[in-house]
Protein backbone atom coordinates (compact mmCIF):
# COMPACT_ATOMS: atom_id res chain seq x y z
CA MET A 1 121.13 77.69 107.82
CA ARG A 2 122.24 81.12 108.99
CA THR A 3 119.34 82.70 107.11
CA VAL A 4 116.79 80.14 108.35
CA LYS A 5 118.06 80.58 111.90
CA ALA A 6 117.64 84.36 111.59
CA LEU A 7 114.03 83.83 110.47
CA LEU A 8 112.98 81.49 113.30
CA PRO A 9 112.42 84.18 115.98
CA TYR A 10 109.77 85.73 113.76
CA LEU A 11 107.87 82.40 113.66
CA TRP A 12 108.33 81.49 117.31
CA PRO A 13 108.61 84.77 119.27
CA LYS A 14 109.18 84.57 123.01
CA ASP A 15 106.65 87.18 124.05
CA GLU A 16 103.71 86.53 121.70
CA LEU A 17 101.77 83.40 122.66
CA TRP A 18 99.13 83.80 119.96
CA VAL A 19 101.80 83.35 117.26
CA LYS A 20 102.99 80.07 118.76
CA GLN A 21 99.38 78.85 119.09
CA ARG A 22 98.69 79.57 115.44
CA VAL A 23 101.89 77.83 114.33
CA VAL A 24 100.99 74.71 116.36
CA LEU A 25 97.39 74.73 115.07
CA ALA A 26 98.60 75.10 111.47
CA LEU A 27 101.03 72.18 111.89
CA LEU A 28 98.25 70.03 113.40
CA ALA A 29 95.99 70.85 110.45
CA LEU A 30 98.85 69.95 108.12
CA LEU A 31 99.38 66.59 109.86
CA VAL A 32 95.67 65.69 109.84
CA GLY A 33 95.41 66.70 106.19
CA LYS A 34 98.33 64.44 105.24
CA LEU A 35 96.96 61.50 107.22
CA ILE A 36 93.67 61.79 105.36
CA SER A 37 95.56 62.21 102.09
CA VAL A 38 97.53 58.95 102.45
CA THR A 39 94.41 56.99 103.42
CA THR A 40 92.45 58.22 100.38
CA PRO A 41 94.03 55.77 97.86
CA TYR A 42 93.36 52.89 100.31
CA ILE A 43 89.66 53.79 100.46
CA TYR A 44 89.70 53.95 96.66
CA LYS A 45 91.24 50.46 96.54
CA ARG A 46 88.52 49.08 98.83
CA ALA A 47 85.82 50.60 96.64
CA VAL A 48 87.35 49.05 93.49
CA ASP A 49 87.68 45.63 95.17
CA ALA A 50 84.08 45.82 96.39
CA LEU A 51 82.85 46.57 92.90
CA GLY A 52 84.98 43.77 91.40
CA GLY A 53 84.00 41.25 94.05
CA ALA A 54 87.61 40.41 94.71
CA ALA A 55 87.48 41.32 98.38
CA PRO A 56 84.35 40.03 100.14
CA ASP A 57 85.38 41.77 103.38
CA ALA A 58 85.44 45.20 101.76
CA ALA A 59 81.83 45.86 102.69
CA MET A 60 82.71 45.13 106.30
CA MET A 61 84.98 48.18 106.46
CA LEU A 62 82.98 50.33 108.88
CA GLY A 63 79.87 48.66 107.49
CA LEU A 64 80.21 50.46 104.16
CA GLY A 65 79.43 48.96 100.77
CA ALA A 66 80.87 50.02 97.41
CA VAL A 67 78.69 53.12 97.25
CA GLY A 68 79.48 54.03 100.84
CA LEU A 69 83.20 53.61 100.18
CA THR A 70 82.91 55.82 97.11
CA VAL A 71 81.22 58.49 99.21
CA ALA A 72 83.93 58.07 101.88
CA TYR A 73 86.55 58.51 99.15
CA GLY A 74 84.93 61.81 98.16
CA VAL A 75 84.71 62.94 101.79
CA ALA A 76 88.41 62.12 102.27
CA ARG A 77 89.39 64.21 99.25
CA ILE A 78 87.30 67.13 100.52
CA GLY A 79 88.83 66.65 103.97
CA THR A 80 92.35 66.85 102.55
CA VAL A 81 91.58 70.12 100.79
CA GLY A 82 89.67 71.45 103.80
CA PHE A 83 92.50 70.87 106.28
CA ASN A 84 95.04 72.31 103.84
CA GLU A 85 92.98 75.48 103.51
CA LEU A 86 92.46 75.61 107.29
CA ARG A 87 96.22 75.36 107.70
CA ASP A 88 96.77 78.30 105.30
CA ALA A 89 93.99 80.38 106.88
CA VAL A 90 95.43 79.90 110.37
CA PHE A 91 99.03 80.55 109.34
CA VAL A 92 98.51 83.54 107.05
CA ARG A 93 98.42 86.01 109.95
CA VAL A 94 101.68 84.59 111.32
CA GLY A 95 103.34 84.94 107.93
CA GLN A 96 102.13 88.47 107.32
CA ARG A 97 103.19 89.52 110.82
CA ALA A 98 106.69 88.16 110.14
CA LEU A 99 106.86 90.04 106.83
CA ARG A 100 105.72 93.28 108.42
CA LYS A 101 108.17 93.02 111.32
CA LEU A 102 111.08 92.17 109.04
CA ALA A 103 110.28 94.96 106.59
CA LEU A 104 109.93 97.47 109.44
CA GLU A 105 113.14 96.29 111.10
CA THR A 106 115.04 96.57 107.81
CA PHE A 107 113.60 100.01 107.06
CA THR A 108 114.41 101.24 110.58
CA HIS A 109 117.92 99.78 110.44
CA ILE A 110 118.66 101.52 107.14
CA HIS A 111 117.84 104.85 108.77
CA ARG A 112 120.21 103.98 111.63
CA LEU A 113 123.12 103.38 109.28
CA SER A 114 125.71 106.11 108.91
CA MET A 115 125.95 108.80 106.29
CA ARG A 116 129.12 107.07 105.07
CA TYR A 117 127.13 103.91 104.28
CA HIS A 118 124.38 105.77 102.43
CA ILE A 119 126.88 107.75 100.38
CA THR A 120 128.51 104.55 99.14
CA ARG A 121 125.28 102.59 98.56
CA LYS A 122 123.05 102.91 95.51
CA THR A 123 119.46 103.73 96.45
CA GLY A 124 117.94 101.67 93.63
CA GLY A 125 120.00 98.61 94.56
CA LEU A 126 119.13 99.07 98.23
CA SER A 127 115.38 99.18 97.59
CA ARG A 128 115.71 96.09 95.38
CA ILE A 129 117.44 94.15 98.18
CA ILE A 130 114.60 94.97 100.58
CA GLU A 131 111.90 94.16 98.02
CA ARG A 132 113.42 90.81 97.05
CA GLY A 133 114.24 89.95 100.67
CA VAL A 134 110.65 90.45 101.86
CA LYS A 135 109.30 88.47 98.90
CA GLY A 136 111.84 85.74 99.70
CA VAL A 137 110.58 85.51 103.29
CA ASP A 138 107.00 85.24 102.04
CA PHE A 139 107.93 82.45 99.63
CA LEU A 140 110.00 80.57 102.19
CA LEU A 141 107.24 80.66 104.80
CA ARG A 142 104.62 79.35 102.41
CA PHE A 143 106.57 76.76 100.45
CA MET A 144 109.19 75.46 102.84
CA LEU A 145 106.67 74.93 105.65
CA PHE A 146 103.72 73.84 103.54
CA SER A 147 105.28 72.24 100.46
CA VAL A 148 108.66 70.70 101.27
CA GLY A 149 107.77 69.64 104.83
CA PRO A 150 104.47 67.98 103.87
CA LEU A 151 106.10 66.39 100.81
CA ILE A 152 108.77 64.73 102.96
CA LEU A 153 106.08 63.55 105.39
CA GLU A 154 103.93 62.15 102.59
CA LEU A 155 106.84 60.38 100.87
CA THR A 156 107.80 58.74 104.18
CA MET A 157 104.23 57.55 104.80
CA VAL A 158 103.83 56.16 101.27
CA THR A 159 107.16 54.33 101.48
CA ILE A 160 106.12 52.72 104.80
CA ILE A 161 102.71 51.74 103.35
CA PHE A 162 104.37 50.08 100.35
CA ALA A 163 106.78 48.17 102.58
CA VAL A 164 103.98 46.98 104.93
CA MET A 165 101.14 46.24 102.48
CA PHE A 166 103.22 44.81 99.64
CA ASP A 167 106.92 44.08 100.13
CA ILE A 168 110.21 45.83 100.62
CA TRP A 169 110.97 45.90 96.89
CA TYR A 170 108.16 48.35 96.23
CA ALA A 171 109.51 50.61 98.94
CA LEU A 172 113.06 50.29 97.56
CA VAL A 173 111.96 51.23 94.04
CA VAL A 174 110.14 54.28 95.41
CA MET A 175 113.13 55.27 97.54
CA VAL A 176 115.63 54.84 94.69
CA THR A 177 113.41 56.76 92.27
CA ILE A 178 112.94 59.61 94.72
CA SER A 179 116.65 59.67 95.57
CA ILE A 180 117.71 59.88 91.93
CA TYR A 181 114.97 62.45 91.27
CA VAL A 182 116.01 64.64 94.20
CA ALA A 183 119.74 64.36 93.43
CA TYR A 184 119.16 65.31 89.79
CA THR A 185 116.83 68.14 90.76
CA PHE A 186 119.22 69.59 93.30
CA ARG A 187 122.25 69.30 91.02
CA VAL A 188 120.58 71.03 88.07
CA THR A 189 118.89 73.57 90.31
CA GLU A 190 122.19 74.53 91.96
CA TRP A 191 123.53 75.26 88.49
CA ARG A 192 120.41 77.32 87.75
CA VAL A 193 120.74 79.22 91.03
CA GLN A 194 124.16 80.47 89.93
CA ILE A 195 122.59 81.79 86.75
CA ARG A 196 119.76 83.35 88.76
CA ARG A 197 122.25 85.05 91.05
CA GLU A 198 123.94 86.63 88.04
CA MET A 199 120.47 87.58 86.79
CA ASN A 200 119.79 89.33 90.09
CA THR A 201 123.02 91.28 89.78
CA GLN A 202 122.10 92.43 86.29
CA ASP A 203 118.53 93.16 87.37
CA THR A 204 119.81 95.35 90.22
CA ASP A 205 122.25 97.08 87.87
CA ALA A 206 119.55 97.81 85.28
CA ASN A 207 117.15 99.02 87.96
CA GLN A 208 119.82 101.28 89.45
CA LYS A 209 120.61 102.80 86.06
CA ALA A 210 116.91 103.46 85.46
CA ILE A 211 116.37 105.12 88.87
CA ASP A 212 119.60 107.11 88.63
CA SER A 213 118.62 108.40 85.19
CA LEU A 214 115.10 109.33 86.28
CA LEU A 215 116.35 111.11 89.41
CA ASN A 216 118.63 113.15 87.14
CA PHE A 217 115.91 113.81 84.56
CA GLU A 218 116.81 117.48 84.16
CA THR A 219 120.52 116.77 83.73
CA VAL A 220 119.74 114.19 81.04
CA LYS A 221 117.67 116.81 79.21
CA TYR A 222 120.30 119.54 79.60
CA PHE A 223 122.90 117.40 77.85
CA GLY A 224 120.56 115.79 75.32
CA ALA A 225 121.60 112.42 76.67
CA GLU A 226 118.32 110.52 76.26
CA ALA A 227 119.82 108.16 73.69
CA ARG A 228 122.95 107.67 75.79
CA GLU A 229 120.87 106.81 78.87
CA ALA A 230 118.69 104.47 76.82
CA ALA A 231 121.82 102.76 75.48
CA ARG A 232 123.22 102.27 79.03
CA TYR A 233 119.90 100.85 80.20
CA ASP A 234 119.56 98.63 77.13
CA ALA A 235 123.10 97.28 77.60
CA ALA A 236 122.27 96.31 81.17
CA MET A 237 118.97 94.75 80.07
CA GLY A 238 120.81 92.95 77.26
CA ARG A 239 123.05 91.19 79.78
CA TYR A 240 119.93 90.37 81.81
CA GLU A 241 118.24 88.99 78.68
CA GLY A 242 121.12 86.61 77.94
CA LEU A 243 121.01 85.20 81.47
CA ALA A 244 117.20 84.97 81.36
CA VAL A 245 117.43 82.87 78.16
CA ARG A 246 119.91 80.51 79.83
CA THR A 247 117.54 80.25 82.80
CA GLY A 248 114.61 79.30 80.54
CA GLN A 249 116.64 76.70 78.64
CA SER A 250 117.97 75.14 81.84
CA LEU A 251 114.38 74.93 83.14
CA SER A 252 113.37 72.87 80.10
CA LEU A 253 116.29 70.51 80.75
CA LEU A 254 115.27 70.20 84.40
CA ASN A 255 111.61 69.50 83.62
CA PHE A 256 112.39 66.80 81.03
CA GLY A 257 114.89 65.06 83.29
CA GLN A 258 112.44 65.06 86.18
CA ALA A 259 109.63 63.68 84.02
CA PHE A 260 111.90 60.91 82.68
CA ILE A 261 113.10 59.77 86.13
CA ILE A 262 109.67 59.78 87.76
CA THR A 263 108.02 58.06 84.80
CA VAL A 264 110.59 55.24 84.83
CA GLY A 265 109.98 54.72 88.55
CA LEU A 266 106.21 54.74 88.01
CA ILE A 267 106.46 52.17 85.22
CA VAL A 268 108.65 49.84 87.31
CA VAL A 269 106.24 49.94 90.29
CA MET A 270 103.18 49.50 88.06
CA VAL A 271 104.78 46.54 86.26
CA MET A 272 105.52 44.91 89.64
CA ALA A 273 101.90 45.49 90.69
CA ALA A 274 100.58 44.14 87.37
CA LEU A 275 102.65 40.96 87.76
CA GLY A 276 101.26 40.62 91.29
CA VAL A 277 97.67 40.84 89.99
CA GLN A 278 98.41 38.28 87.25
CA SER A 279 99.85 35.87 89.81
CA GLY A 280 96.85 36.35 92.10
CA LYS A 281 98.88 37.84 94.94
CA LEU A 282 97.30 41.26 94.47
CA THR A 283 93.84 42.47 93.58
CA VAL A 284 92.88 44.98 90.93
CA GLY A 285 92.23 47.36 93.84
CA ASP A 286 95.86 46.93 94.90
CA PHE A 287 96.99 47.81 91.36
CA VAL A 288 94.77 50.91 91.40
CA MET A 289 96.03 51.89 94.86
CA VAL A 290 99.70 51.61 93.80
CA ASN A 291 98.95 53.82 90.79
CA ALA A 292 97.06 56.32 92.97
CA TYR A 293 99.92 56.56 95.47
CA MET A 294 102.52 57.02 92.73
CA ILE A 295 100.48 59.76 91.05
CA GLN A 296 99.84 61.36 94.44
CA ILE A 297 103.56 61.67 95.18
CA THR A 298 104.46 62.49 91.57
CA MET A 299 102.39 65.67 91.48
CA PRO A 300 104.21 67.48 94.31
CA LEU A 301 107.55 66.07 93.13
CA ASN A 302 107.01 67.75 89.76
CA PHE A 303 107.18 71.08 91.54
CA LEU A 304 110.22 70.15 93.63
CA GLY A 305 112.70 71.68 91.21
CA THR A 306 110.80 74.93 91.03
CA VAL A 307 110.22 74.98 94.78
CA TYR A 308 113.85 74.14 95.54
CA ARG A 309 115.12 76.76 93.12
CA GLU A 310 112.78 79.37 94.55
CA ILE A 311 113.74 78.39 98.08
CA ARG A 312 117.43 78.68 97.21
CA GLN A 313 116.76 82.01 95.52
CA ALA A 314 114.65 83.12 98.48
CA LEU A 315 117.51 82.20 100.80
CA VAL A 316 119.93 84.21 98.65
CA ASP A 317 117.58 87.22 98.64
CA MET A 318 116.92 86.87 102.37
CA GLY A 319 120.65 86.48 102.94
CA ASP A 320 121.23 89.83 101.24
CA MET A 321 118.56 91.41 103.44
CA PHE A 322 119.90 89.84 106.64
CA ASP A 323 123.40 90.96 105.61
CA LEU A 324 121.91 94.45 105.42
CA LEU A 325 120.40 93.98 108.87
CA GLY A 326 123.78 92.78 110.09
CA GLN A 327 125.52 95.88 108.77
CA PRO A 328 126.69 97.61 111.95
CA ALA A 329 125.63 101.19 112.57
CA GLU A 330 128.76 103.35 112.64
CA ILE A 331 127.20 105.88 115.03
CA ASN A 332 125.64 104.43 118.18
CA ASP A 333 124.41 105.91 121.43
CA ALA A 334 126.68 105.23 124.39
CA PRO A 335 125.16 102.75 126.89
CA GLY A 336 122.84 104.66 129.22
CA ALA A 337 123.46 107.92 127.35
CA PRO A 338 121.35 110.81 128.73
CA ALA A 339 119.38 113.23 126.59
CA LEU A 340 121.09 116.46 125.58
CA VAL A 341 120.01 119.38 127.78
CA VAL A 342 120.35 122.72 126.00
CA SER A 343 120.25 125.47 128.62
CA ARG A 344 122.06 128.20 126.64
CA GLY A 345 123.09 126.77 123.28
CA GLU A 346 126.87 127.25 123.32
CA VAL A 347 128.67 125.13 120.70
CA VAL A 348 132.38 124.36 121.10
CA LEU A 349 134.75 122.58 118.74
CA ASP A 350 137.64 121.64 121.02
CA HIS A 351 140.76 120.74 118.98
CA VAL A 352 138.65 118.72 116.52
CA SER A 353 140.34 116.55 113.92
CA PHE A 354 138.52 114.43 111.35
CA GLY A 355 138.92 112.61 108.05
CA TYR A 356 136.41 110.66 105.98
CA GLU A 357 139.29 108.30 105.29
CA ALA A 358 142.32 107.75 107.50
CA ALA A 359 144.65 108.62 104.65
CA ARG A 360 142.83 111.88 103.84
CA PRO A 361 142.31 114.09 106.90
CA ILE A 362 139.87 116.98 106.44
CA LEU A 363 140.01 118.94 109.72
CA HIS A 364 143.24 119.56 111.63
CA ASP A 365 143.05 120.61 115.29
CA VAL A 366 140.12 122.99 114.76
CA SER A 367 138.94 124.99 117.79
CA ILE A 368 135.87 127.21 117.43
CA THR A 369 133.54 128.57 120.09
CA VAL A 370 130.02 129.66 119.15
CA PRO A 371 128.65 131.61 122.15
CA ALA A 372 125.01 131.09 123.05
CA GLY A 373 122.66 133.26 121.01
CA GLN A 374 125.35 134.45 118.62
CA THR A 375 125.95 133.87 114.91
CA VAL A 376 129.26 132.44 113.75
CA ALA A 377 129.98 132.12 110.04
CA LEU A 378 132.34 129.56 108.53
CA VAL A 379 133.87 130.62 105.23
CA GLY A 380 136.62 129.33 103.01
CA PRO A 381 137.30 127.73 99.64
CA SER A 382 135.71 124.45 98.56
CA GLY A 383 137.21 121.50 100.42
CA SER A 384 138.26 123.58 103.39
CA GLY A 385 136.04 121.58 105.75
CA LYS A 386 133.09 123.96 106.26
CA SER A 387 130.29 121.46 105.58
CA THR A 388 132.21 118.78 107.46
CA VAL A 389 131.82 120.82 110.65
CA GLY A 390 128.04 120.73 110.13
CA ARG A 391 128.03 116.99 109.62
CA LEU A 392 130.07 116.45 112.77
CA LEU A 393 127.73 118.72 114.75
CA PHE A 394 124.75 116.65 113.67
CA ARG A 395 126.86 113.55 114.40
CA PHE A 396 126.62 112.02 110.98
CA TYR A 397 130.26 111.10 111.66
CA GLU A 398 132.39 110.80 114.79
CA VAL A 399 135.33 113.13 115.33
CA THR A 400 138.65 111.31 115.22
CA GLY A 401 140.33 113.75 117.58
CA GLY A 402 139.24 116.33 120.12
CA ALA A 403 135.61 116.86 121.06
CA LEU A 404 132.50 118.69 119.91
CA LYS A 405 130.38 119.98 122.79
CA ILE A 406 127.03 121.68 123.29
CA ASP A 407 126.70 123.46 126.64
CA GLY A 408 129.65 121.43 127.87
CA GLN A 409 128.14 118.07 126.85
CA ASP A 410 130.12 115.94 124.40
CA VAL A 411 127.79 115.04 121.52
CA ARG A 412 129.15 111.46 121.66
CA GLU A 413 127.84 111.04 125.19
CA VAL A 414 124.20 112.05 124.60
CA THR A 415 121.41 110.37 122.64
CA GLN A 416 121.29 111.05 118.93
CA ASN A 417 117.55 111.76 119.02
CA SER A 418 117.97 114.54 121.58
CA LEU A 419 120.92 115.96 119.63
CA HIS A 420 118.93 116.02 116.40
CA ASP A 421 115.96 117.61 118.19
CA ALA A 422 118.20 120.48 119.37
CA ILE A 423 119.55 121.38 115.92
CA GLY A 424 117.65 122.80 112.97
CA VAL A 425 119.25 122.58 109.53
CA VAL A 426 118.51 124.63 106.41
CA PRO A 427 120.67 123.03 103.67
CA GLN A 428 121.82 124.48 100.38
CA ASP A 429 119.24 122.42 98.48
CA THR A 430 116.09 121.74 100.46
CA VAL A 431 114.71 118.36 99.41
CA LEU A 432 110.98 117.90 99.93
CA PHE A 433 108.85 114.77 100.14
CA ASN A 434 106.53 114.05 97.24
CA ASP A 435 103.53 115.10 99.32
CA THR A 436 101.60 118.25 100.15
CA ILE A 437 103.13 121.57 101.21
CA TYR A 438 101.34 121.17 104.54
CA TYR A 439 102.95 117.75 105.11
CA ASN A 440 106.41 119.11 104.29
CA ILE A 441 106.13 122.07 106.67
CA ALA A 442 104.52 119.95 109.41
CA TYR A 443 107.40 117.48 109.07
CA GLY A 444 109.32 119.78 111.40
CA ARG A 445 106.87 118.97 114.19
CA PRO A 446 104.10 116.53 113.15
CA GLU A 447 101.98 117.17 116.23
CA ALA A 448 101.76 120.92 115.49
CA SER A 449 98.33 122.46 114.91
CA ARG A 450 97.32 123.96 111.58
CA ALA A 451 97.58 127.43 113.11
CA GLU A 452 101.19 126.74 114.11
CA VAL A 453 102.00 125.43 110.62
CA GLU A 454 100.54 128.56 109.02
CA ALA A 455 102.37 130.78 111.53
CA ALA A 456 105.67 129.13 110.51
CA ALA A 457 104.80 129.69 106.84
CA ARG A 458 104.06 133.39 107.55
CA ALA A 459 107.38 133.76 109.37
CA ALA A 460 109.13 132.23 106.35
CA LYS A 461 107.18 134.64 104.10
CA ILE A 462 105.58 131.89 102.02
CA HIS A 463 102.03 131.82 103.42
CA ASP A 464 100.70 134.31 100.81
CA PHE A 465 102.19 132.25 97.97
CA ILE A 466 100.67 129.03 99.32
CA SER A 467 97.28 130.69 99.76
CA SER A 468 97.34 131.81 96.12
CA LEU A 469 97.60 128.23 94.88
CA PRO A 470 94.35 126.48 93.84
CA ASP A 471 94.84 123.72 96.41
CA GLY A 472 96.58 125.88 99.00
CA TYR A 473 98.43 123.90 101.62
CA GLN A 474 97.21 120.65 100.02
CA THR A 475 99.25 121.33 96.86
CA THR A 476 101.60 118.44 96.12
CA VAL A 477 105.21 119.50 95.52
CA GLY A 478 106.33 116.64 93.24
CA GLU A 479 109.37 114.39 93.44
CA ARG A 480 112.02 116.12 95.59
CA GLY A 481 109.88 119.31 95.40
CA LEU A 482 110.45 119.85 91.68
CA LYS A 483 107.09 121.64 91.22
CA LEU A 484 108.38 124.54 93.31
CA SER A 485 111.09 127.03 92.45
CA GLY A 486 114.38 127.08 94.34
CA GLY A 487 113.29 130.03 96.46
CA GLU A 488 109.91 128.48 97.24
CA LYS A 489 111.55 125.22 98.30
CA GLN A 490 113.95 127.11 100.55
CA ARG A 491 111.08 128.99 102.19
CA VAL A 492 109.22 125.72 102.81
CA GLY A 493 112.45 124.37 104.34
CA ILE A 494 112.78 127.47 106.53
CA ALA A 495 109.15 127.16 107.64
CA ARG A 496 109.75 123.50 108.46
CA THR A 497 112.77 124.39 110.60
CA LEU A 498 110.93 127.29 112.25
CA LEU A 499 108.14 124.91 113.22
CA LYS A 500 110.71 122.58 114.76
CA ASN A 501 111.85 125.57 116.88
CA PRO A 502 115.38 124.31 117.72
CA PRO A 503 117.75 126.28 119.98
CA ILE A 504 120.66 125.79 117.53
CA LEU A 505 120.55 126.55 113.81
CA LEU A 506 122.87 125.27 111.09
CA LEU A 507 122.58 127.17 107.80
CA ASP A 508 124.60 125.16 105.28
CA GLU A 509 125.03 127.53 102.33
CA ALA A 510 121.25 128.00 102.54
CA THR A 511 121.06 130.67 99.82
CA SER A 512 124.04 129.99 97.55
CA ALA A 513 121.90 128.19 94.94
CA LEU A 514 119.47 131.14 94.60
CA ASP A 515 119.47 134.29 92.52
CA THR A 516 120.53 137.55 94.17
CA GLN A 517 117.03 138.99 94.71
CA THR A 518 115.61 135.73 96.08
CA GLU A 519 118.69 135.39 98.26
CA ARG A 520 118.13 138.85 99.75
CA ASP A 521 114.47 138.08 100.46
CA ILE A 522 115.28 134.75 102.12
CA GLN A 523 118.20 136.26 104.00
CA GLU A 524 115.69 138.42 105.85
CA SER A 525 113.73 135.30 106.85
CA LEU A 526 116.92 133.58 107.98
CA ALA A 527 117.97 136.61 110.01
CA ALA A 528 114.57 136.71 111.73
CA MET A 529 114.75 132.97 112.37
CA GLY A 530 118.17 133.30 113.99
CA GLU A 531 117.06 135.81 116.63
CA GLY A 532 117.54 134.36 120.10
CA ARG A 533 119.20 131.24 118.73
CA THR A 534 122.78 130.02 118.34
CA VAL A 535 123.47 130.09 114.60
CA ILE A 536 126.29 128.46 112.63
CA THR A 537 126.29 129.70 109.05
CA ILE A 538 128.32 127.95 106.37
CA ALA A 539 128.57 130.53 103.62
CA HIS A 540 129.90 130.86 100.11
CA ARG A 541 128.73 134.41 99.42
CA LEU A 542 130.49 136.61 101.96
CA SER A 543 127.92 139.40 101.60
CA THR A 544 125.38 137.21 103.40
CA ILE A 545 127.45 136.91 106.57
CA ALA A 546 128.99 140.37 106.89
CA ASP A 547 126.93 141.10 110.01
CA ALA A 548 127.84 137.82 111.81
CA ASP A 549 129.11 138.10 115.38
CA GLN A 550 132.22 136.18 114.36
CA ILE A 551 133.62 134.97 111.04
CA VAL A 552 135.94 131.94 110.98
CA VAL A 553 138.04 131.42 107.85
CA LEU A 554 138.97 127.81 107.13
CA GLU A 555 141.58 126.70 104.65
CA ALA A 556 142.74 123.11 104.11
CA GLY A 557 140.98 122.09 107.31
CA ARG A 558 142.64 124.69 109.52
CA VAL A 559 141.46 127.95 111.06
CA VAL A 560 143.55 130.66 109.42
CA GLU A 561 141.59 133.76 110.52
CA ARG A 562 138.74 134.74 112.80
CA GLY A 563 137.03 137.94 113.81
CA LYS A 564 134.35 140.43 112.76
CA HIS A 565 133.85 141.52 109.16
CA GLU A 566 135.43 144.96 109.54
CA ALA A 567 138.40 143.66 111.51
CA LEU A 568 139.12 140.94 108.96
CA LEU A 569 138.96 143.42 106.09
CA ALA A 570 141.32 145.73 107.96
CA ALA A 571 143.75 142.86 108.53
CA GLY A 572 144.15 142.44 104.77
CA GLY A 573 144.48 138.66 104.97
CA ARG A 574 142.66 135.70 103.37
CA TYR A 575 139.18 137.02 104.14
CA ALA A 576 139.95 140.44 102.69
CA ALA A 577 141.26 138.80 99.50
CA MET A 578 138.13 136.65 99.20
CA TRP A 579 135.91 139.70 99.76
CA ALA A 580 137.75 141.74 97.14
CA ARG A 581 137.53 138.91 94.61
CA GLN A 582 133.79 138.34 95.15
CA SER A 583 133.05 142.06 95.08
CA SER A 584 134.82 142.47 91.73
CA GLU A 585 133.02 139.41 90.31
CA GLU A 586 129.62 140.76 91.42
CA GLU A 587 130.46 144.20 90.02
CA ALA A 588 131.50 142.67 86.69
CA ALA A 589 128.31 140.62 86.59
CA GLY A 590 126.25 143.75 87.33
CA ASN A 591 127.94 145.71 84.54
CA ALA A 592 127.40 142.84 82.09
CA ALA A 593 123.71 142.76 82.98
């Protein structure tokens, strides 16, 4: 009921009258179609009686004879189909609108969720939840509204007709048969739903293993792990296979039980009708009509198990999707939050404390000031909290103590969109969309002209390389940019950030994954990009930040040193030790080469 209730606003929105009109029109078409459908066997009975001469008043029905009644029977059948198709044609736009809105809302909500949520979720499983949820909505709209609802309406009408035209016993037999049929169907289907739920879990697991393996294609090759990956995938599919077999076997049991129950009910009603004809209480037309009604309700009942199972499964899938929609966003804009106004670009960490988990603090009372237009480098061993500062600046997480301010404005008190617009990030590993180079550079500012895109590429020193490609800027870069080298990807990322033209730059170990020569080339581009901007550089190689206006050394989440390169070397502390160690390592590597 929670899932159905969550779906209702999409079928009956407050501000879209055309949707309500289409829903009402579709329901009217459904009602008219069912009224024609339940009168069709009666017309058939009249035609049979007219042909058999058992009902002399049959020809008086609207002045029609046997042939006219036969034609009317055909018209009624066509009318039933026609109104059903009209119902579907009218409603299809409502259904597709609901699917589109739900899919968009889910997609948008996923992007609103915190970095913490996305780190803990599996991408393959997440995409599967959305896919199955949208399909579930589609199924529920079509079958619950236009299969189960009409079936209940038709069964009620047929039961009333039997009670009025014959006697209460006919109606009781139909009611008992349907009750037993429905109870059996629901009981077995509930059992099957449990199996299907386990199947879904295994399906998601297998899909996740496949996606994870394909995303790490190179790693699999490096370690010769193709057979190992295939074995993991096959094990997951093996568990899925076992559950799928149980599902198929349980379906056979369901179908046979349904056929047995409905056939017994049909035989009982037909025997009662046959005895009525023999005693002269009923006509042959009555016998034919009873048979026609029973067959008419039997056909949709045969699909009840499947429909019920699919509806239950659809509700489970939709429930997963609505649970996803109900997942609260960890980072939200404050009510009435203004946009960030960057007048100078000063960044201040004011006694900032933070931990990804309460039991494991990362930053301890960190205070750093990055003056407007200057470059401040954060250095330190792995786990010291360097990258965490960048994540807090972009507000992927909230500080647990102190404040992080830009030009005196607490980042928690401004809109996230304006904050993100003010900061440009060049990460250690630039990930590109599987699209053209032009698309990836223009992603920094989609409304930019081609001349501006090319100017950004020239500034990043990658325009000449792009121009040398057969397809130029229309060259596709492959999944995650795998068709480009590390240096080429970084230059595209730099061009993308240059096009964005933010007042604050965050360089998160932007060259640490590159070779020395490529690093030197890109370092020039980064230096040019930082001119006139506030730059926070998170560095691993100290040689890349020697000319920074200020170097902050972090260790175990605390600031242990700060100052210029020469002053820190002269102090002979942590920074000097790190510099000496890296210098000796680079010298040893050079001698070995």
